[in-house]
Amino acid sequence: MKPFDLEDLPPDIIESIRDRLLDQSMRADGFLSPLLAVDAASQTEPHREWFAVAQDLNRLSLMLWQDTEGRGIWLGPDALVARLIARSNDTFAGAVILAERGLTVESQNLSRVIYECAFWIGYFIKDRETAAEALMEDDQFSRVRLGFEPLNGRQGKGKRAPQPQRLSELAEMGDDYQFYSALCGIAGHASVSSLGHYGAGHEDGSFGLSFGPDTDGMPRALWFAIRAQMVALRQFSIAARKSAEADEVAISNIEQRWFALSQSMQR
């Protein structure tokens, strides 16, 4: 007699069992469920084109960063710009990883950080020395408050850096700030919009909690992350790579794919 194998069951039964096991695991372990990693491929498969664009943008970001010649002192403008795009690159990767897990609100929250990096790089483009000093003064302000040793024996209490809205104005990136501001409302703050993701109301006045990965929200999360990273990468190309023509061609190719997928979201 042939031994029983789960694969012998009808596909709909297999899917039902898988969903039941994942639901039980999520209720016990939440998004640390080991089954999420096992099931990641099936969760992301409907949105594979979005993840493919994100993967290609990640590779391009790392390539341009590593291909940039380091110049100046380690806390000078060039070095700070290189560190800003490095942070943007890693934050973008984090946003994609969270989207893969179905943590879409948390992914969108990270996209805010990418925009902040982009605003800073944009500020460096407009006034390198002033932007570098503003970053150093902000670091000094934080170190004094926390009781840490200052960098390079820096003196004084420091000064808070311009906040994102002001930073976007200094960088002349007001249009991009609108996306940052939107992310604050739908993901960054404990707003009704962001909290609505975790539960839903019923007609009888009761409410229920949401369990499991937000697969439907993956394209939206990646839309924001990809757009933010393209903005940051363009600013970096101008600030550190003299706006290389090849960079713009590569970014534009990805942007065209992102735009095409964006159009399909609206249908």
C-alpha atoms as a PDB file:
ATOM      1  CA  MET A   1       0.000   0.000   0.000  1.00  0.00           C
ATOM      2  CA  LYS A   2       1.298   3.443  -0.943  1.00  0.00           C
ATOM      3  CA  PRO A   3       2.022   5.559   2.144  1.00  0.00           C
ATOM      4  CA  PHE A   4      -0.133   8.643   2.595  1.00  0.00           C
ATOM      5  CA  ASP A   5       1.410  11.847   1.313  1.00  0.00           C
ATOM      6  CA  LEU A   6       0.023  15.332   1.880  1.00  0.00           C
ATOM      7  CA  GLU A   7       0.611  16.106  -1.791  1.00  0.00           C
ATOM      8  CA  ASP A   8      -1.964  13.424  -2.689  1.00  0.00           C
ATOM      9  CA  LEU A   9      -4.723  15.668  -1.346  1.00  0.00           C
ATOM     10  CA  PRO A  10      -6.616  18.075  -3.624  1.00  0.00           C
ATOM     11  CA  PRO A  11      -4.901  21.492  -3.943  1.00  0.00           C
ATOM     12  CA  ASP A  12      -7.737  23.331  -2.187  1.00  0.00           C
ATOM     13  CA  ILE A  13      -7.501  20.998   0.810  1.00  0.00           C
ATOM     14  CA  ILE A  14      -3.723  21.479   0.985  1.00  0.00           C
ATOM     15  CA  GLU A  15      -4.151  25.241   0.869  1.00  0.00           C
ATOM     16  CA  SER A  16      -6.803  25.116   3.586  1.00  0.00           C
ATOM     17  CA  ILE A  17      -4.525  23.061   5.864  1.00  0.00           C
ATOM     18  CA  ARG A  18      -1.611  25.409   5.198  1.00  0.00           C
ATOM     19  CA  ASP A  19      -3.724  28.466   5.998  1.00  0.00           C
ATOM     20  CA  ARG A  20      -4.978  26.854   9.207  1.00  0.00           C
ATOM     21  CA  LEU A  21      -1.471  25.983  10.370  1.00  0.00           C
ATOM     22  CA  LEU A  22      -0.210  29.477   9.542  1.00  0.00           C
ATOM     23  CA  ASP A  23      -3.119  31.054  11.408  1.00  0.00           C
ATOM     24  CA  GLN A  24      -2.407  28.960  14.496  1.00  0.00           C
ATOM     25  CA  SER A  25       1.295  29.778  14.318  1.00  0.00           C
ATOM     26  CA  MET A  26       0.608  33.496  13.876  1.00  0.00           C
ATOM     27  CA  ARG A  27      -1.668  33.543  16.916  1.00  0.00           C
ATOM     28  CA  ALA A  28       1.113  32.017  19.000  1.00  0.00           C
ATOM     29  CA  ASP A  29       4.216  33.717  17.561  1.00  0.00           C
ATOM     30  CA  GLY A  30       2.925  36.657  15.543  1.00  0.00           C
ATOM     31  CA  PHE A  31       5.291  37.811  12.835  1.00  0.00           C
ATOM     32  CA  LEU A  32       8.104  35.805  14.418  1.00  0.00           C
ATOM     33  CA  SER A  33       6.305  32.655  13.294  1.00  0.00           C
ATOM     34  CA  PRO A  34       8.792  30.247  11.661  1.00  0.00           C
ATOM     35  CA  LEU A  35       6.064  29.257   9.203  1.00  0.00           C
ATOM     36  CA  LEU A  36       6.111  32.746   7.701  1.00  0.00           C
ATOM     37  CA  ALA A  37       9.640  32.207   6.409  1.00  0.00           C
ATOM     38  CA  VAL A  38       8.641  28.825   4.981  1.00  0.00           C
ATOM     39  CA  ASP A  39       5.539  30.273   3.346  1.00  0.00           C
ATOM     40  CA  ALA A  40       7.156  33.501   2.095  1.00  0.00           C
ATOM     41  CA  ALA A  41       7.385  32.390  -1.537  1.00  0.00           C
ATOM     42  CA  SER A  42       3.678  31.625  -1.827  1.00  0.00           C
ATOM     43  CA  GLN A  43       2.774  34.858  -0.017  1.00  0.00           C
ATOM     44  CA  THR A  44       4.805  37.048  -2.361  1.00  0.00           C
ATOM     45  CA  GLU A  45       4.190  35.141  -5.602  1.00  0.00           C
ATOM     46  CA  PRO A  46       1.153  37.252  -6.638  1.00  0.00           C
ATOM     47  CA  HIS A  47       3.374  40.341  -6.442  1.00  0.00           C
ATOM     48  CA  ARG A  48       6.592  38.892  -7.867  1.00  0.00           C
ATOM     49  CA  GLU A  49       6.932  41.720 -10.404  1.00  0.00           C
ATOM     50  CA  TRP A  50       6.943  44.305  -7.611  1.00  0.00           C
ATOM     51  CA  PHE A  51       9.593  42.383  -5.690  1.00  0.00           C
ATOM     52  CA  ALA A  52      11.656  41.968  -8.870  1.00  0.00           C
ATOM     53  CA  VAL A  53      11.728  45.758  -9.357  1.00  0.00           C
ATOM     54  CA  ALA A  54      12.697  46.211  -5.706  1.00  0.00           C
ATOM     55  CA  GLN A  55      15.493  43.646  -6.035  1.00  0.00           C
ATOM     56  CA  ASP A  56      16.906  45.327  -9.132  1.00  0.00           C
ATOM     57  CA  LEU A  57      16.783  48.738  -7.462  1.00  0.00           C
ATOM     58  CA  ASN A  58      18.562  47.312  -4.431  1.00  0.00           C
ATOM     59  CA  ARG A  59      21.342  45.944  -6.639  1.00  0.00           C
ATOM     60  CA  LEU A  60      21.671  49.234  -8.496  1.00  0.00           C
ATOM     61  CA  SER A  61      21.831  51.169  -5.228  1.00  0.00           C
ATOM     62  CA  LEU A  62      24.608  48.974  -3.867  1.00  0.00           C
ATOM     63  CA  MET A  63      26.527  49.088  -7.143  1.00  0.00           C
ATOM     64  CA  LEU A  64      26.475  52.906  -7.360  1.00  0.00           C
ATOM     65  CA  TRP A  65      27.441  53.263  -3.706  1.00  0.00           C
ATOM     66  CA  GLN A  66      30.379  50.860  -3.982  1.00  0.00           C
ATOM     67  CA  ASP A  67      31.476  52.371  -7.290  1.00  0.00           C
ATOM     68  CA  THR A  68      31.770  55.877  -5.812  1.00  0.00           C
ATOM     69  CA  GLU A  69      35.263  57.110  -5.033  1.00  0.00           C
ATOM     70  CA  GLY A  70      35.757  58.136  -1.427  1.00  0.00           C
ATOM     71  CA  ARG A  71      37.217  61.613  -1.004  1.00  0.00           C
ATOM     72  CA  GLY A  72      37.999  63.986   1.855  1.00  0.00           C
ATOM     73  CA  ILE A  73      38.080  63.413   5.607  1.00  0.00           C
ATOM     74  CA  TRP A  74      35.904  60.857   7.376  1.00  0.00           C
ATOM     75  CA  LEU A  75      33.474  63.455   8.760  1.00  0.00           C
ATOM     76  CA  GLY A  76      33.633  65.760   5.745  1.00  0.00           C
ATOM     77  CA  PRO A  77      30.782  66.365   3.269  1.00  0.00           C
ATOM     78  CA  ASP A  78      31.752  63.580   0.858  1.00  0.00           C
ATOM     79  CA  ALA A  79      32.023  60.979   3.585  1.00  0.00           C
ATOM     80  CA  LEU A  80      28.728  62.044   5.154  1.00  0.00           C
ATOM     81  CA  VAL A  81      26.907  61.839   1.812  1.00  0.00           C
ATOM     82  CA  ALA A  82      28.310  58.335   1.273  1.00  0.00           C
ATOM     83  CA  ARG A  83      27.062  57.315   4.715  1.00  0.00           C
ATOM     84  CA  LEU A  84      23.641  58.805   4.033  1.00  0.00           C
ATOM     85  CA  ILE A  85      23.117  56.723   0.890  1.00  0.00           C
ATOM     86  CA  ALA A  86      24.443  53.657   2.726  1.00  0.00           C
ATOM     87  CA  ARG A  87      21.777  54.195   5.375  1.00  0.00           C
ATOM     88  CA  SER A  88      19.161  54.711   2.671  1.00  0.00           C
ATOM     89  CA  ASN A  89      20.235  51.481   0.950  1.00  0.00           C
ATOM     90  CA  ASP A  90      19.981  49.416   4.128  1.00  0.00           C
ATOM     91  CA  THR A  91      16.682  51.027   5.102  1.00  0.00           C
ATOM     92  CA  PHE A  92      15.292  50.234   1.666  1.00  0.00           C
ATOM     93  CA  ALA A  93      16.337  46.600   2.075  1.00  0.00           C
ATOM     94  CA  GLY A  94      14.623  46.600   5.468  1.00  0.00           C
ATOM     95  CA  ALA A  95      11.418  47.986   3.957  1.00  0.00           C
ATOM     96  CA  VAL A  96      11.413  45.233   1.322  1.00  0.00           C
ATOM     97  CA  ILE A  97      12.046  42.515   3.927  1.00  0.00           C
ATOM     98  CA  LEU A  98       9.151  43.792   6.044  1.00  0.00           C
ATOM     99  CA  ALA A  99       6.910  43.874   2.973  1.00  0.00           C
ATOM    100  CA  GLU A 100       7.867  40.246   2.240  1.00  0.00           C
ATOM    101  CA  ARG A 101       6.746  39.318   5.736  1.00  0.00           C
ATOM    102  CA  GLY A 102       3.475  41.177   5.291  1.00  0.00           C
ATOM    103  CA  LEU A 103       4.382  43.913   7.790  1.00  0.00           C
ATOM    104  CA  THR A 104       3.256  46.554   5.340  1.00  0.00           C
ATOM    105  CA  VAL A 105       2.601  49.461   7.718  1.00  0.00           C
ATOM    106  CA  GLU A 106       6.005  48.932   9.295  1.00  0.00           C
ATOM    107  CA  SER A 107       7.557  48.799   5.823  1.00  0.00           C
ATOM    108  CA  GLN A 108       5.985  52.134   4.933  1.00  0.00           C
ATOM    109  CA  ASN A 109       7.290  53.600   8.179  1.00  0.00           C
ATOM    110  CA  LEU A 110      10.835  52.788   7.037  1.00  0.00           C
ATOM    111  CA  SER A 111      10.187  54.570   3.739  1.00  0.00           C
ATOM    112  CA  ARG A 112      10.021  57.786   5.758  1.00  0.00           C
ATOM    113  CA  VAL A 113      13.649  57.264   6.787  1.00  0.00           C
ATOM    114  CA  ILE A 114      14.660  56.877   3.135  1.00  0.00           C
ATOM    115  CA  TYR A 115      13.082  60.252   2.368  1.00  0.00           C
ATOM    116  CA  GLU A 116      14.927  61.829   5.300  1.00  0.00           C
ATOM    117  CA  CYS A 117      18.212  60.568   3.854  1.00  0.00           C
ATOM    118  CA  ALA A 118      17.205  61.968   0.463  1.00  0.00           C
ATOM    119  CA  PHE A 119      16.412  65.387   1.976  1.00  0.00           C
ATOM    120  CA  TRP A 120      19.794  65.493   3.692  1.00  0.00           C
ATOM    121  CA  ILE A 121      21.626  64.579   0.501  1.00  0.00           C
ATOM    122  CA  GLY A 122      19.620  67.245  -1.313  1.00  0.00           C
ATOM    123  CA  TYR A 123      20.689  69.774   1.313  1.00  0.00           C
ATOM    124  CA  PHE A 124      24.324  68.790   0.725  1.00  0.00           C
ATOM    125  CA  ILE A 125      23.827  69.504  -2.977  1.00  0.00           C
ATOM    126  CA  LYS A 126      22.667  73.045  -2.184  1.00  0.00           C
ATOM    127  CA  ASP A 127      25.218  73.869   0.529  1.00  0.00           C
ATOM    128  CA  ARG A 128      27.727  71.149   1.365  1.00  0.00           C
ATOM    129  CA  GLU A 129      29.557  72.845   4.224  1.00  0.00           C
ATOM    130  CA  THR A 130      26.430  74.167   5.953  1.00  0.00           C
ATOM    131  CA  ALA A 131      24.706  70.777   5.676  1.00  0.00           C
ATOM    132  CA  ALA A 132      27.740  68.990   7.116  1.00  0.00           C
ATOM    133  CA  GLU A 133      27.895  71.447  10.007  1.00  0.00           C
ATOM    134  CA  ALA A 134      24.179  71.000  10.685  1.00  0.00           C
ATOM    135  CA  LEU A 135      24.623  67.224  10.928  1.00  0.00           C
ATOM    136  CA  MET A 136      27.606  67.597  13.237  1.00  0.00           C
ATOM    137  CA  GLU A 137      25.781  70.099  15.459  1.00  0.00           C
ATOM    138  CA  ASP A 138      22.797  67.752  15.687  1.00  0.00           C
ATOM    139  CA  ASP A 139      25.087  64.906  16.689  1.00  0.00           C
ATOM    140  CA  GLN A 140      26.687  67.112  19.332  1.00  0.00           C
ATOM    141  CA  PHE A 141      23.246  68.076  20.649  1.00  0.00           C
ATOM    142  CA  SER A 142      22.301  64.409  21.072  1.00  0.00           C
ATOM    143  CA  ARG A 143      25.611  63.429  22.646  1.00  0.00           C
ATOM    144  CA  VAL A 144      25.461  66.228  25.225  1.00  0.00           C
ATOM    145  CA  ARG A 145      21.922  65.271  26.217  1.00  0.00           C
ATOM    146  CA  LEU A 146      22.848  61.595  26.584  1.00  0.00           C
ATOM    147  CA  GLY A 147      26.130  62.260  28.347  1.00  0.00           C
ATOM    148  CA  PHE A 148      28.283  60.779  25.559  1.00  0.00           C
ATOM    149  CA  GLU A 149      31.745  61.923  24.569  1.00  0.00           C
ATOM    150  CA  PRO A 150      31.712  64.449  21.684  1.00  0.00           C
ATOM    151  CA  LEU A 151      33.262  63.536  18.353  1.00  0.00           C
ATOM    152  CA  ASN A 152      36.718  64.962  17.663  1.00  0.00           C
ATOM    153  CA  GLY A 153      36.656  66.952  20.915  1.00  0.00           C
ATOM    154  CA  ARG A 154      33.828  69.138  19.615  1.00  0.00           C
ATOM    155  CA  GLN A 155      32.773  71.917  22.009  1.00  0.00           C
ATOM    156  CA  GLY A 156      29.389  73.423  22.846  1.00  0.00           C
ATOM    157  CA  LYS A 157      25.886  72.082  23.424  1.00  0.00           C
ATOM    158  CA  GLY A 158      25.109  71.501  19.787  1.00  0.00           C
ATOM    159  CA  LYS A 159      21.926  72.365  17.959  1.00  0.00           C
ATOM    160  CA  ARG A 160      18.977  70.411  16.661  1.00  0.00           C
ATOM    161  CA  ALA A 161      19.054  69.803  12.914  1.00  0.00           C
ATOM    162  CA  PRO A 162      16.320  71.137  10.653  1.00  0.00           C
ATOM    163  CA  GLN A 163      13.222  68.972  10.846  1.00  0.00           C
ATOM    164  CA  PRO A 164      12.082  67.071   7.709  1.00  0.00           C
ATOM    165  CA  GLN A 165       9.781  69.753   6.347  1.00  0.00           C
ATOM    166  CA  ARG A 166      12.386  72.479   6.714  1.00  0.00           C
ATOM    167  CA  LEU A 167      15.056  70.120   5.423  1.00  0.00           C
ATOM    168  CA  SER A 168      13.022  69.445   2.280  1.00  0.00           C
ATOM    169  CA  GLU A 169      12.693  73.200   1.763  1.00  0.00           C
ATOM    170  CA  LEU A 170      16.444  73.709   2.100  1.00  0.00           C
ATOM    171  CA  ALA A 171      16.962  70.905  -0.408  1.00  0.00           C
ATOM    172  CA  GLU A 172      14.242  72.320  -2.688  1.00  0.00           C
ATOM    173  CA  MET A 173      12.400  68.998  -2.518  1.00  0.00           C
ATOM    174  CA  GLY A 174       8.997  70.209  -1.413  1.00  0.00           C
ATOM    175  CA  ASP A 175       7.150  67.926  -3.833  1.00  0.00           C
ATOM    176  CA  ASP A 176       8.795  64.873  -2.298  1.00  0.00           C
ATOM    177  CA  TYR A 177       7.934  66.064   1.200  1.00  0.00           C
ATOM    178  CA  GLN A 178       4.255  65.544   0.365  1.00  0.00           C
ATOM    179  CA  PHE A 179       4.919  61.798   0.118  1.00  0.00           C
ATOM    180  CA  TYR A 180       6.883  61.859   3.369  1.00  0.00           C
ATOM    181  CA  SER A 181       4.020  63.672   5.065  1.00  0.00           C
ATOM    182  CA  ALA A 182       1.508  61.144   3.745  1.00  0.00           C
ATOM    183  CA  LEU A 183       3.613  58.314   5.166  1.00  0.00           C
ATOM    184  CA  CYS A 184       3.601  60.005   8.565  1.00  0.00           C
ATOM    185  CA  GLY A 185      -0.192  59.814   8.597  1.00  0.00           C
ATOM    186  CA  ILE A 186      -0.692  56.300   7.256  1.00  0.00           C
ATOM    187  CA  ALA A 187       2.277  54.567   8.879  1.00  0.00           C
ATOM    188  CA  GLY A 188       4.606  56.704  10.986  1.00  0.00           C
ATOM    189  CA  HIS A 189       2.292  57.939  13.733  1.00  0.00           C
ATOM    190  CA  ALA A 190      -0.339  56.228  15.860  1.00  0.00           C
ATOM    191  CA  SER A 191      -3.063  57.628  13.617  1.00  0.00           C
ATOM    192  CA  VAL A 192      -6.525  56.218  13.008  1.00  0.00           C
ATOM    193  CA  SER A 193      -5.371  55.233   9.518  1.00  0.00           C
ATOM    194  CA  SER A 194      -2.377  53.258  10.746  1.00  0.00           C
ATOM    195  CA  LEU A 195      -4.265  51.686  13.660  1.00  0.00           C
ATOM    196  CA  GLY A 196      -7.083  50.609  11.365  1.00  0.00           C
ATOM    197  CA  HIS A 197      -4.686  48.092   9.837  1.00  0.00           C
ATOM    198  CA  TYR A 198      -4.779  45.988  13.007  1.00  0.00           C
ATOM    199  CA  GLY A 199      -8.519  45.412  13.266  1.00  0.00           C
ATOM    200  CA  ALA A 200     -11.919  46.027  11.727  1.00  0.00           C
ATOM    201  CA  GLY A 201     -15.346  46.993  13.035  1.00  0.00           C
ATOM    202  CA  HIS A 202     -18.534  45.000  12.448  1.00  0.00           C
ATOM    203  CA  GLU A 203     -22.086  46.131  11.837  1.00  0.00           C
ATOM    204  CA  ASP A 204     -23.193  45.058  15.328  1.00  0.00           C
ATOM    205  CA  GLY A 205     -20.691  47.477  16.889  1.00  0.00           C
ATOM    206  CA  SER A 206     -18.113  44.852  17.841  1.00  0.00           C
ATOM    207  CA  PHE A 207     -14.619  44.680  16.405  1.00  0.00           C
ATOM    208  CA  GLY A 208     -12.102  42.016  15.555  1.00  0.00           C
ATOM    209  CA  LEU A 209      -8.326  41.908  15.443  1.00  0.00           C
ATOM    210  CA  SER A 210      -6.353  41.191  12.279  1.00  0.00           C
ATOM    211  CA  PHE A 211      -3.953  38.268  12.140  1.00  0.00           C
ATOM    212  CA  GLY A 212      -1.535  37.242   9.454  1.00  0.00           C
ATOM    213  CA  PRO A 213       0.534  38.935   6.758  1.00  0.00           C
ATOM    214  CA  ASP A 214      -1.024  41.748   4.771  1.00  0.00           C
ATOM    215  CA  THR A 215      -0.459  40.288   1.315  1.00  0.00           C
ATOM    216  CA  ASP A 216      -2.873  42.710  -0.350  1.00  0.00           C
ATOM    217  CA  GLY A 217      -0.875  45.669   0.981  1.00  0.00           C
ATOM    218  CA  MET A 218       2.487  44.495  -0.362  1.00  0.00           C
ATOM    219  CA  PRO A 219       2.312  46.480  -3.639  1.00  0.00           C
ATOM    220  CA  ARG A 220       1.409  49.664  -1.765  1.00  0.00           C
ATOM    221  CA  ALA A 221       4.326  49.240   0.646  1.00  0.00           C
ATOM    222  CA  LEU A 222       6.750  48.564  -2.202  1.00  0.00           C
ATOM    223  CA  TRP A 223       5.354  51.499  -4.189  1.00  0.00           C
ATOM    224  CA  PHE A 224       6.376  53.883  -1.425  1.00  0.00           C
ATOM    225  CA  ALA A 225       9.747  52.219  -0.748  1.00  0.00           C
ATOM    226  CA  ILE A 226      10.789  52.097  -4.406  1.00  0.00           C
ATOM    227  CA  ARG A 227       9.783  55.699  -5.039  1.00  0.00           C
ATOM    228  CA  ALA A 228      11.649  56.932  -1.974  1.00  0.00           C
ATOM    229  CA  GLN A 229      14.810  55.006  -2.875  1.00  0.00           C
ATOM    230  CA  MET A 230      14.784  56.298  -6.446  1.00  0.00           C
ATOM    231  CA  VAL A 231      14.593  59.853  -5.084  1.00  0.00           C
ATOM    232  CA  ALA A 232      17.506  59.216  -2.714  1.00  0.00           C
ATOM    233  CA  LEU A 233      19.599  57.539  -5.403  1.00  0.00           C
ATOM    234  CA  ARG A 234      19.107  60.419  -7.834  1.00  0.00           C
ATOM    235  CA  GLN A 235      20.182  62.905  -5.175  1.00  0.00           C
ATOM    236  CA  PHE A 236      23.235  60.785  -4.425  1.00  0.00           C
ATOM    237  CA  SER A 237      24.154  60.638  -8.114  1.00  0.00           C
ATOM    238  CA  ILE A 238      24.120  64.448  -8.244  1.00  0.00           C
ATOM    239  CA  ALA A 239      25.929  64.951  -4.935  1.00  0.00           C
ATOM    240  CA  ALA A 240      28.668  62.341  -5.233  1.00  0.00           C
ATOM    241  CA  ARG A 241      28.819  61.166  -8.837  1.00  0.00           C
ATOM    242  CA  LYS A 242      28.382  64.435 -10.756  1.00  0.00           C
ATOM    243  CA  SER A 243      24.972  63.268 -12.006  1.00  0.00           C
ATOM    244  CA  ALA A 244      26.461  60.551 -14.194  1.00  0.00           C
ATOM    245  CA  GLU A 245      24.386  59.968 -17.335  1.00  0.00           C
ATOM    246  CA  ALA A 246      24.627  56.197 -16.960  1.00  0.00           C
ATOM    247  CA  ASP A 247      23.173  56.466 -13.438  1.00  0.00           C
ATOM    248  CA  GLU A 248      20.119  58.317 -14.707  1.00  0.00           C
ATOM    249  CA  VAL A 249      19.547  55.792 -17.491  1.00  0.00           C
ATOM    250  CA  ALA A 250      19.634  52.909 -15.000  1.00  0.00           C
ATOM    251  CA  ILE A 251      17.332  54.666 -12.530  1.00  0.00           C
ATOM    252  CA  SER A 252      14.928  55.675 -15.303  1.00  0.00           C
ATOM    253  CA  ASN A 253      14.677  52.088 -16.526  1.00  0.00           C
ATOM    254  CA  ILE A 254      13.588  50.988 -13.076  1.00  0.00           C
ATOM    255  CA  GLU A 255      11.265  53.968 -12.796  1.00  0.00           C
ATOM    256  CA  GLN A 256       9.498  52.953 -16.015  1.00  0.00           C
ATOM    257  CA  ARG A 257       8.823  49.478 -14.634  1.00  0.00           C
ATOM    258  CA  TRP A 258       7.635  50.972 -11.338  1.00  0.00           C
ATOM    259  CA  PHE A 259       5.325  53.350 -13.194  1.00  0.00           C
ATOM    260  CA  ALA A 260       3.847  50.530 -15.319  1.00  0.00           C
ATOM    261  CA  LEU A 261       3.067  48.520 -12.184  1.00  0.00           C
ATOM    262  CA  SER A 262       1.627  51.647 -10.572  1.00  0.00           C
ATOM    263  CA  GLN A 263      -0.812  51.977 -13.471  1.00  0.00           C
ATOM    264  CA  SER A 264      -1.993  48.413 -12.953  1.00  0.00           C
ATOM    265  CA  MET A 265      -2.754  49.203  -9.290  1.00  0.00           C
ATOM    266  CA  GLN A 266      -5.257  51.845 -10.370  1.00  0.00           C
ATOM    267  CA  ARG A 267      -7.289  49.547 -12.622  1.00  0.00           C
END
